[in-house]
Protein backbone atom coordinates (compact mmCIF):
# COMPACT_ATOMS: atom_id res chain seq x y z
CA MET A 1 0.00 0.00 0.00
CA VAL A 2 1.65 3.22 -1.22
CA VAL A 3 0.39 6.04 0.99
CA HIS A 4 1.12 9.48 -0.42
CA HIS A 5 -0.81 11.49 2.19
CA LEU A 6 -3.50 11.21 4.84
CA ALA A 7 -6.39 11.44 2.38
CA ALA A 8 -4.92 8.50 0.44
CA ALA A 9 -4.42 6.58 3.68
CA THR A 10 -8.09 6.81 4.57
CA ARG A 11 -9.11 5.53 1.12
CA LEU A 12 -6.65 2.64 1.23
CA ARG A 13 -8.12 1.68 4.60
CA ASP A 14 -11.30 0.74 2.70
CA VAL A 15 -9.32 -1.45 0.31
CA ALA A 16 -6.83 -3.30 2.53
CA PRO A 17 -9.45 -5.49 4.29
CA LEU A 18 -10.24 -7.11 0.95
CA ILE A 19 -6.90 -8.94 1.00
CA GLU A 20 -5.24 -8.62 4.40
CA GLU A 21 -7.09 -11.57 6.00
CA ASP A 22 -5.52 -13.91 3.42
CA HIS A 23 -2.69 -15.86 5.12
CA ARG A 24 -0.84 -16.01 1.80
CA ILE A 25 -0.41 -12.25 1.76
CA GLN A 26 1.72 -9.83 3.76
CA VAL A 27 0.53 -6.23 3.47
CA VAL A 28 3.23 -3.57 3.84
CA TYR A 29 2.80 0.20 3.80
CA THR A 30 5.24 2.78 2.49
CA VAL A 31 5.17 6.57 2.13
CA PRO A 32 6.92 8.07 -0.92
CA PRO A 33 8.56 11.47 -0.36
CA SER A 34 6.69 12.96 -3.30
CA SER A 35 4.03 14.93 -1.45
CA ARG A 36 4.35 17.83 0.95
CA PHE A 37 1.54 16.17 2.91
CA ALA A 38 3.50 12.95 3.52
CA ALA A 39 3.85 13.67 7.24
CA GLY A 40 0.14 13.04 7.69
CA ALA A 41 0.53 9.57 6.19
CA HIS A 42 3.37 8.68 8.56
CA ASP A 43 1.36 9.86 11.57
CA PHE A 44 -1.68 7.88 10.49
CA LEU A 45 0.22 4.64 9.95
CA ARG A 46 1.85 4.90 13.37
CA THR A 47 -1.58 4.94 15.01
CA THR A 48 -3.00 1.95 13.10
CA GLY A 49 -0.36 -0.68 13.79
CA ALA A 50 0.47 -1.02 10.10
CA LEU A 51 3.85 -2.41 9.08
CA GLU A 52 5.60 0.57 7.49
CA MET A 53 8.64 0.08 5.26
CA PRO A 54 10.98 2.97 4.36
CA PHE A 55 10.40 3.98 0.76
CA ALA A 56 14.06 3.43 -0.13
CA GLN A 57 13.71 -0.18 1.02
CA ALA A 58 10.42 -0.56 -0.84
CA LEU A 59 12.18 0.47 -4.06
CA GLU A 60 14.66 -2.38 -3.61
CA THR A 61 12.03 -5.01 -2.82
CA ARG A 62 9.94 -6.94 -5.33
CA PHE A 63 6.26 -6.93 -4.48
CA ASP A 64 3.47 -8.76 -6.27
CA LEU A 65 1.28 -5.65 -6.19
CA ALA A 66 1.38 -1.99 -5.22
CA VAL A 67 -1.90 -0.18 -4.51
CA ALA A 68 -2.00 3.63 -4.44
CA ALA A 69 -4.65 6.31 -4.00
CA GLY A 70 -2.26 9.10 -4.99
CA GLN A 71 0.39 9.87 -7.57
CA GLY A 72 4.12 10.33 -7.56
CA MET A 73 7.16 8.03 -7.82
CA LEU A 74 5.06 4.96 -8.62
CA ASP A 75 7.18 4.30 -11.70
CA ARG A 76 10.13 3.41 -9.46
CA LEU A 77 8.40 0.46 -7.83
CA ARG A 78 9.27 -3.07 -8.93
CA SER A 79 5.70 -4.35 -9.09
CA PRO A 80 2.40 -4.01 -10.93
CA VAL A 81 0.60 -0.88 -9.78
CA MET A 82 -3.12 -0.40 -9.18
CA THR A 83 -4.37 3.18 -8.69
CA LEU A 84 -7.67 4.57 -7.50
CA PHE A 85 -9.04 8.02 -6.67
CA HIS A 86 -8.97 9.22 -3.09
CA GLY A 87 -12.03 11.42 -3.66
CA ALA A 88 -15.30 11.44 -5.56
CA GLY A 89 -13.70 10.88 -8.95
CA PRO A 90 -12.22 13.50 -11.33
CA ASN A 91 -14.03 16.80 -10.86
CA SER A 92 -11.48 19.47 -11.71
CA TYR A 93 -8.45 20.43 -13.73
CA VAL A 94 -4.91 20.52 -12.40
CA THR A 95 -4.21 23.87 -10.76
CA ARG A 96 -2.37 26.27 -13.04
CA ARG A 97 0.71 27.66 -11.37
CA ASP A 98 2.14 31.12 -11.76
CA GLY A 99 5.20 31.32 -13.99
CA HIS A 100 6.94 33.06 -16.86
CA GLY A 101 6.19 30.70 -19.76
CA PRO A 102 3.10 30.77 -21.97
CA LEU A 103 -0.14 29.14 -20.82
CA ALA A 104 -0.83 25.49 -21.65
CA SER A 105 -3.91 23.32 -21.50
CA ARG A 106 -4.59 21.77 -18.10
CA ALA A 107 -4.92 18.06 -17.50
CA ILE A 108 -7.80 16.48 -15.61
CA THR A 109 -6.72 15.74 -12.06
CA GLY A 110 -5.62 12.12 -11.81
CA LEU A 111 -6.05 11.28 -15.49
CA GLY A 112 -3.42 13.37 -17.26
CA PHE A 113 -0.82 11.91 -19.63
CA GLN A 114 2.04 13.28 -17.56
CA ALA A 115 0.65 11.74 -14.37
CA LEU A 116 0.04 8.28 -15.84
CA THR A 117 3.11 7.71 -18.03
CA MET A 118 6.86 7.65 -17.59
CA HIS A 119 9.65 6.77 -20.01
CA GLY A 120 7.28 5.73 -22.77
CA ARG A 121 5.12 3.41 -20.67
CA VAL A 122 1.85 3.68 -18.75
CA VAL A 123 2.74 3.28 -15.06
CA PRO A 124 -0.41 1.64 -13.62
CA SER A 125 -1.36 -1.85 -14.67
CA ALA A 126 -4.91 -1.11 -13.46
CA ILE A 127 -6.59 2.29 -13.19
CA MET A 128 -9.73 1.92 -11.10
CA LEU A 129 -12.50 4.23 -12.30
CA GLY A 130 -15.68 4.97 -10.43
CA HIS A 131 -17.99 5.34 -13.40
CA GLU A 132 -18.20 4.10 -16.97
CA ASP A 133 -18.31 7.71 -18.20
CA GLN A 134 -14.76 8.21 -16.95
CA ARG A 135 -13.44 5.98 -19.71
CA ALA A 136 -14.11 8.77 -22.19
CA LEU A 137 -12.22 11.23 -20.00
CA LEU A 138 -9.27 8.87 -19.83
CA ALA A 139 -9.37 8.35 -23.59
CA GLY A 140 -9.19 12.10 -24.14
CA GLN A 141 -6.31 12.60 -21.70
CA CYS A 142 -4.21 9.47 -22.12
CA PRO A 143 -5.62 6.96 -24.65
CA GLU A 144 -2.60 4.70 -24.14
CA ALA A 145 -3.91 3.99 -20.62
CA LEU A 146 -7.33 2.70 -21.71
CA PRO A 147 -6.27 -1.00 -21.65
CA ALA A 148 -5.54 -0.56 -17.94
CA ALA A 149 -8.93 0.99 -17.10
CA VAL A 150 -11.28 -0.97 -14.81
CA VAL A 151 -14.67 0.40 -13.75
CA ALA A 152 -14.79 -0.53 -10.08
CA GLY A 153 -17.25 1.89 -8.49
CA ASP A 154 -16.56 3.78 -5.27
CA PRO A 155 -15.73 1.83 -2.08
CA CYS A 156 -16.01 5.00 0.01
CA PHE A 157 -19.58 5.69 -1.10
CA ASP A 158 -20.51 2.01 -0.77
CA ARG A 159 -19.71 2.23 2.93
CA MET A 160 -21.95 5.28 3.27
CA LEU A 161 -24.79 3.43 1.57
CA ALA A 162 -24.24 0.46 3.89
CA SER A 163 -24.47 2.78 6.92
CA ARG A 164 -27.77 4.54 6.30
CA HIS A 165 -29.55 2.39 8.87
CA LEU A 166 -27.22 3.87 11.52
CA ARG A 167 -28.32 7.45 10.85
CA THR A 168 -29.96 7.83 14.28
CA ALA A 169 -26.90 6.42 16.06
CA TYR A 170 -24.65 8.84 14.22
CA ARG A 171 -26.92 11.76 15.10
CA ASN A 172 -26.84 10.72 18.75
CA ALA A 173 -23.04 10.51 18.65
CA LEU A 174 -22.91 14.08 17.34
CA GLY A 175 -25.12 15.20 20.21
CA ALA A 176 -28.13 16.01 18.01
CA GLY A 177 -31.34 15.80 19.95
CA PRO A 178 -34.85 15.10 18.64
CA GLY A 179 -35.94 17.85 16.30
CA GLN A 180 -32.46 19.24 15.83
CA LYS A 181 -31.02 19.55 12.33
CA VAL A 182 -27.47 18.36 11.64
CA LEU A 183 -25.53 20.85 9.53
CA VAL A 184 -22.25 19.66 8.03
CA VAL A 185 -19.83 22.43 7.05
CA SER A 186 -17.14 21.10 4.72
CA SER A 187 -13.96 22.78 3.51
CA HIS A 188 -11.34 21.62 1.04
CA TYR A 189 -7.82 23.08 1.28
CA GLY A 190 -5.88 25.72 -0.58
CA ALA A 191 -6.97 28.76 -2.56
CA GLY A 192 -10.69 28.81 -3.29
CA SER A 193 -11.63 26.61 -0.35
CA LEU A 194 -14.24 27.65 2.19
CA LEU A 195 -11.62 27.94 4.91
CA SER A 196 -9.30 30.01 2.72
CA ARG A 197 -11.92 32.44 1.40
CA TYR A 198 -14.20 32.65 4.46
CA PRO A 199 -12.15 31.67 7.53
CA GLY A 200 -14.66 33.31 9.87
CA LEU A 201 -17.69 31.51 8.44
CA PRO A 202 -17.82 28.64 11.00
CA ALA A 203 -17.68 31.11 13.88
CA ARG A 204 -20.31 33.27 12.24
CA LEU A 205 -22.57 30.25 11.87
CA SER A 206 -22.18 29.39 15.54
CA ARG A 207 -23.37 32.91 16.39
CA GLU A 208 -26.24 33.22 13.90
CA LEU A 209 -27.85 29.79 14.19
CA PRO A 210 -30.84 29.72 16.57
CA PRO A 211 -29.88 28.02 19.85
CA GLY A 212 -30.95 24.40 19.96
CA GLU A 213 -32.13 24.14 16.34
CA TYR A 214 -28.91 22.99 14.68
CA ARG A 215 -26.01 20.71 15.51
CA VAL A 216 -22.99 21.77 13.45
CA ALA A 217 -20.22 19.36 12.40
CA LEU A 218 -17.12 20.89 10.82
CA VAL A 219 -15.22 18.79 8.26
CA LEU A 220 -11.78 19.96 7.15
CA HIS A 221 -9.74 18.28 4.42
CA PRO A 222 -6.92 16.12 5.85
CA ALA A 223 -4.37 18.36 4.13
CA VAL A 224 -5.52 21.25 6.33
CA TRP A 225 -4.59 19.25 9.43
CA THR A 226 -1.28 18.10 7.94
CA THR A 227 -0.28 21.57 6.76
CA HIS A 228 -1.09 23.48 9.92
CA GLY A 229 -0.92 20.81 12.64
CA ALA A 230 -3.68 19.50 14.88
CA ARG A 231 -2.76 21.87 17.70
CA GLN A 232 -3.13 24.94 15.48
CA VAL A 233 -6.35 23.76 13.82
CA THR A 234 -8.05 23.02 17.13
CA ALA A 235 -6.89 26.39 18.47
CA TRP A 236 -8.40 28.20 15.50
CA PHE A 237 -11.79 26.62 16.13
CA ALA A 238 -11.71 26.44 19.93
CA ASP A 239 -14.27 29.25 20.19
CA CYS A 240 -16.54 27.45 17.73
CA GLU A 241 -16.31 24.29 19.82
CA ARG A 242 -17.22 26.25 22.94
CA ARG A 243 -20.34 27.37 21.07
CA GLY A 244 -21.28 23.76 20.27
CA VAL A 245 -19.63 23.13 16.88
CA VAL A 246 -18.23 19.60 16.59
CA LEU A 247 -14.79 19.60 14.93
CA LEU A 248 -14.44 16.16 13.36
CA PRO A 249 -11.04 14.44 13.23
CA PRO A 250 -9.40 14.12 9.79
CA GLU A 251 -8.99 10.33 9.80
CA GLU A 252 -12.65 9.33 10.01
CA GLY A 253 -16.01 10.73 11.02
CA TRP A 254 -16.97 12.91 8.08
CA ARG A 255 -18.70 10.05 6.26
CA ALA A 256 -20.87 9.17 9.24
CA ALA A 257 -21.66 12.87 9.64
CA LEU A 258 -22.90 12.98 6.02
CA VAL A 259 -25.20 10.05 6.71
CA ALA A 260 -26.56 11.98 9.71
CA ALA A 261 -26.80 15.33 7.92
CA ASP A 262 -29.95 17.30 7.17
CA VAL A 263 -28.15 20.02 5.18
CA MET A 264 -24.63 20.90 4.06
CA LEU A 265 -22.66 24.09 3.55
CA ALA A 266 -19.70 23.13 1.38
CA ASP A 267 -17.14 24.20 -1.16
CA ARG A 268 -15.83 22.38 -4.22
CA GLY A 269 -14.74 19.21 -2.45
CA SER A 270 -15.69 15.55 -2.49
CA PRO A 271 -17.89 15.69 0.66
CA ALA A 272 -20.39 17.88 -1.21
CA CYS A 273 -20.63 15.31 -4.01
CA TYR A 274 -21.06 12.43 -1.61
CA GLY A 275 -23.60 14.29 0.52
CA ALA A 276 -25.74 15.23 -2.47
CA ALA A 277 -25.64 11.63 -3.73
CA LEU A 278 -27.01 10.59 -0.32
CA GLY A 279 -29.84 13.08 -0.75
CA VAL A 280 -28.52 15.84 1.53
CA PRO A 281 -29.42 19.39 0.42
CA VAL A 282 -26.23 21.37 -0.31
CA LEU A 283 -25.59 25.11 -0.15
CA LEU A 284 -22.38 25.82 -2.09
CA THR A 285 -19.90 28.60 -1.50
CA PRO A 286 -18.99 30.59 -4.63
CA HIS A 287 -16.30 28.95 -6.76
CA ASP A 288 -14.41 29.47 -10.00
CA SER A 289 -16.38 27.56 -12.61
CA GLY A 290 -13.30 27.51 -14.86
CA ASP A 291 -11.69 24.98 -12.55
CA VAL A 292 -14.64 22.57 -12.70
CA LEU A 293 -14.60 19.71 -15.19
CA PRO A 294 -17.73 19.96 -17.40
CA GLY A 295 -20.05 17.00 -16.96
CA SER A 296 -18.31 15.88 -13.75
CA GLN A 297 -20.07 14.95 -10.54
CA PHE A 298 -19.44 18.37 -9.05
CA ALA A 299 -20.59 20.11 -12.24
CA ARG A 300 -23.90 18.22 -11.96
CA LEU A 301 -24.21 19.25 -8.33
CA ALA A 302 -23.37 22.88 -9.12
CA GLY A 303 -26.20 22.87 -11.63
CA VAL A 304 -28.82 22.30 -8.91
CA ALA A 305 -27.29 23.60 -5.66
CA PRO A 306 -27.92 27.22 -4.59
CA ARG A 307 -24.98 29.55 -3.93
CA LEU A 308 -24.18 31.11 -0.60
CA ARG A 309 -24.59 34.88 -0.49
CA VAL A 310 -21.95 35.70 2.07
CA ASP A 311 -23.19 39.20 2.87
CA GLU A 312 -26.72 38.04 3.73
CA PRO A 313 -28.04 36.23 6.83
CA LEU A 314 -27.08 32.56 6.83
CA VAL A 315 -30.09 30.86 8.44
CA PRO A 316 -32.69 31.83 5.79
CA GLN A 317 -30.34 30.56 3.08
CA LEU A 318 -29.89 27.20 4.81
CA GLU A 319 -33.64 26.85 5.31
CA ALA A 320 -34.29 27.78 1.68
CA ALA A 321 -31.73 25.22 0.51
CA ARG A 322 -33.51 22.50 2.50
CA ALA A 323 -36.99 23.52 1.39
CA GLY A 324 -36.10 23.92 -2.27
CA TRP A 325 -33.88 20.89 -2.68
CA PRO A 326 -35.11 18.65 -5.55
CA LEU A 327 -35.39 15.24 -3.86
CA THR A 328 -35.68 13.53 -7.24
CA ARG A 329 -32.12 14.52 -8.12
CA ALA A 330 -30.46 12.29 -5.51
CA PRO A 331 -30.87 9.07 -7.55
CA GLU A 332 -29.48 10.87 -10.60
CA LEU A 333 -26.47 12.18 -8.71
CA ARG A 334 -25.93 8.77 -7.15
CA ALA A 335 -26.06 7.06 -10.54
CA ALA A 336 -23.48 9.52 -11.90
CA LEU A 337 -21.13 8.85 -8.99
CA THR A 338 -20.70 5.09 -9.39
CA SER A 339 -21.52 2.53 -12.05
CA VAL A 340 -21.22 -0.31 -9.53
CA PRO A 341 -23.25 0.80 -6.48
CA GLY A 342 -22.52 -1.52 -3.59
CA GLY A 343 -20.20 -3.65 -5.74
CA ALA A 344 -16.78 -2.01 -5.52
CA ALA A 345 -15.44 -4.64 -3.11
CA GLY A 346 -15.89 -7.46 -5.60
CA VAL A 347 -14.26 -5.64 -8.51
CA LEU A 348 -11.35 -4.37 -6.42
CA ARG A 349 -10.59 -7.77 -4.91
CA ARG A 350 -10.84 -9.54 -8.24
CA THR A 351 -8.44 -7.04 -9.84
CA MET A 352 -5.90 -7.25 -7.03
CA TYR A 353 -5.73 -11.03 -7.14
CA ARG A 354 -5.47 -10.95 -10.94
CA LEU A 355 -2.50 -8.60 -10.76
CA MET A 356 -0.86 -10.72 -8.04
CA ARG A 357 -1.46 -13.83 -10.18
CA LEU A 358 -2.91 -15.49 -7.13
CA PRO A 359 -6.15 -17.53 -7.04
CA GLU A 360 -8.93 -15.46 -5.51
CA PRO A 361 -10.56 -16.92 -2.38
CA SER A 362 -13.71 -18.85 -3.16
CA GLY A 363 -15.94 -17.00 -0.71
CA PRO A 364 -17.46 -13.59 -1.41
CA PRO A 365 -15.41 -10.52 -0.48
CA VAL A 366 -16.03 -8.64 2.72
CA ALA A 367 -19.13 -6.58 2.04
CA ALA A 368 -19.06 -2.82 2.45
CA ARG A 369 -18.72 -2.41 6.21
CA PRO A 370 -20.82 0.11 8.12
CA LEU A 371 -18.86 3.17 9.11
CA PRO A 372 -17.62 3.81 12.64
CA GLY A 373 -19.27 6.65 14.54
CA PRO A 374 -18.43 10.25 13.64
CA LEU A 375 -16.34 10.72 16.78
CA PRO A 376 -13.67 8.51 18.38
CA PRO A 377 -14.54 6.81 21.69
CA GLY A 378 -14.28 9.21 24.58
CA PRO A 379 -16.32 11.53 26.76
CA PRO A 380 -19.79 12.39 25.41
CA VAL A 381 -20.16 15.48 23.28
CA ARG A 382 -20.98 18.51 25.41
């Protein structure tokens, strides 16, 4: 398991159980030094009991398979490589950096020719796609990689679907009482994110929301925690927590919170796509439409979700988003997210054993497991 950053680590945690119970297989984790967020991966692995191998040693060792939910330095491994997205599929273009040379066309995040090839060869032996429509995107970006494409669905969303019966338990864990509405506030990282553009918005929400009507859960992208440190992040939102906002940890919890949610306030990140596919009304912060991939999951969501008007009162906008949300769009958004709803485990396991050239176990794969609660075990939420 090649863990580029914390976000990739959480996605690989959904995949590893498909093979790690097999006594014929030893699962090893390694963190390539190709991402500035690598420290979050190291910290995560230390807390899970995973066997971590230094990347330099991993480069010298022959493995039967390498699985990655990120990109960078995969061409140096001496094994077949299987890649998958660590979010809700390709939704945007690669960020254009400032520089002195002329502008060039931007690749689709995760599917670009430069990201998938090295020295005249496609790096992954299997590129796991969430939806059949993504084949056309791959063909436009890197047609040489099409033979490696496998439509596998989305294991992350499958676990959310398998957890819907626990909605009440998740609400209780968040401290939401009867009649209270759970509001999930989600921020990506970097320029354009909710936290970058409107850093005071969570605190403003905690002041404007009517007492006792809402329970607010704040979801920050793992890269925010890795970049700034847990101590700094918790300090920034300490006042919000004193006002009742629940700051969810970066490793897990946000998915259960989406299952429990009644409404979302989100930016252009994967949680908004997943929440809408679950049927949660979404109020979107303003974003640069030029960064959004036309026809993508987020583009579909942006076509129906209202936009936040930052200078106006927040509560009426949240209530209007809930009241005006088209309930019939959830099945459409869900169908556009995955072509194999509930079936990612089978496709992923079958592909991994094929690449390892190892007979697949005769029994069915571990079904999508219900998600743990939104908060780690500890004192009850105040």
